[in-house]
Amino acid sequence: MSKMIYFKYKKKLILSIIGSNPKEILQMRLVKGEITLDEFDKLKSKLD
């Protein structure tokens, strides 16, 4: 396992333990480019 994959996995594990709320997770994924603005809007509307 490369270091990059290890650190991504470690970060996700830590965030899941400290319990970020779903909207914060969506915002982080949008900023990182993991989801598009359209996907963000759809998912956010489902959370509201």
Protein backbone atom coordinates (compact mmCIF):
# COMPACT_ATOMS: atom_id res chain seq x y z
CA MET A 1 0.00 0.00 0.00
CA SER A 2 1.47 3.33 -0.99
CA LYS A 3 1.85 6.12 1.54
CA MET A 4 -0.74 8.27 -0.22
CA ILE A 5 -3.43 5.59 0.00
CA TYR A 6 -2.46 4.86 3.61
CA PHE A 7 -2.83 8.51 4.65
CA LYS A 8 -6.18 8.88 2.84
CA TYR A 9 -7.45 5.77 4.62
CA LYS A 10 -6.10 7.00 7.96
CA LYS A 11 -7.75 10.41 7.50
CA LYS A 12 -11.13 8.84 6.66
CA LEU A 13 -10.84 6.56 9.67
CA ILE A 14 -10.05 9.45 12.01
CA LEU A 15 -12.90 11.56 10.65
CA SER A 16 -15.32 8.69 11.10
CA ILE A 17 -14.22 8.29 14.72
CA ILE A 18 -14.57 11.98 15.63
CA GLY A 19 -17.94 12.11 13.87
CA SER A 20 -18.03 14.91 11.33
CA ASN A 21 -21.55 15.80 10.36
CA PRO A 22 -22.73 14.79 6.87
CA LYS A 23 -22.87 18.35 5.52
CA GLU A 24 -19.25 18.96 6.50
CA ILE A 25 -18.23 15.74 4.77
CA LEU A 26 -20.07 16.81 1.61
CA GLN A 27 -18.36 20.20 1.67
CA MET A 28 -14.95 18.58 2.09
CA ARG A 29 -15.61 16.21 -0.81
CA LEU A 30 -16.69 19.14 -3.00
CA VAL A 31 -13.56 21.13 -2.15
CA LYS A 32 -11.33 18.13 -2.87
CA GLY A 33 -13.02 17.61 -6.24
CA GLU A 34 -14.37 14.18 -5.34
CA ILE A 35 -17.92 15.27 -6.26
CA THR A 36 -19.31 17.90 -8.63
CA LEU A 37 -21.43 20.88 -7.64
CA ASP A 38 -24.52 19.16 -9.07
CA GLU A 39 -23.85 16.04 -7.00
CA PHE A 40 -23.28 18.22 -3.94
CA ASP A 41 -26.60 19.99 -4.43
CA LYS A 42 -28.50 16.73 -4.87
CA LEU A 43 -26.95 15.13 -1.80
CA LYS A 44 -27.39 18.25 0.31
CA SER A 45 -31.08 18.46 -0.61
CA LYS A 46 -31.53 14.86 0.55
CA LEU A 47 -29.99 15.75 3.92
CA ASP A 48 -32.26 18.77 4.46
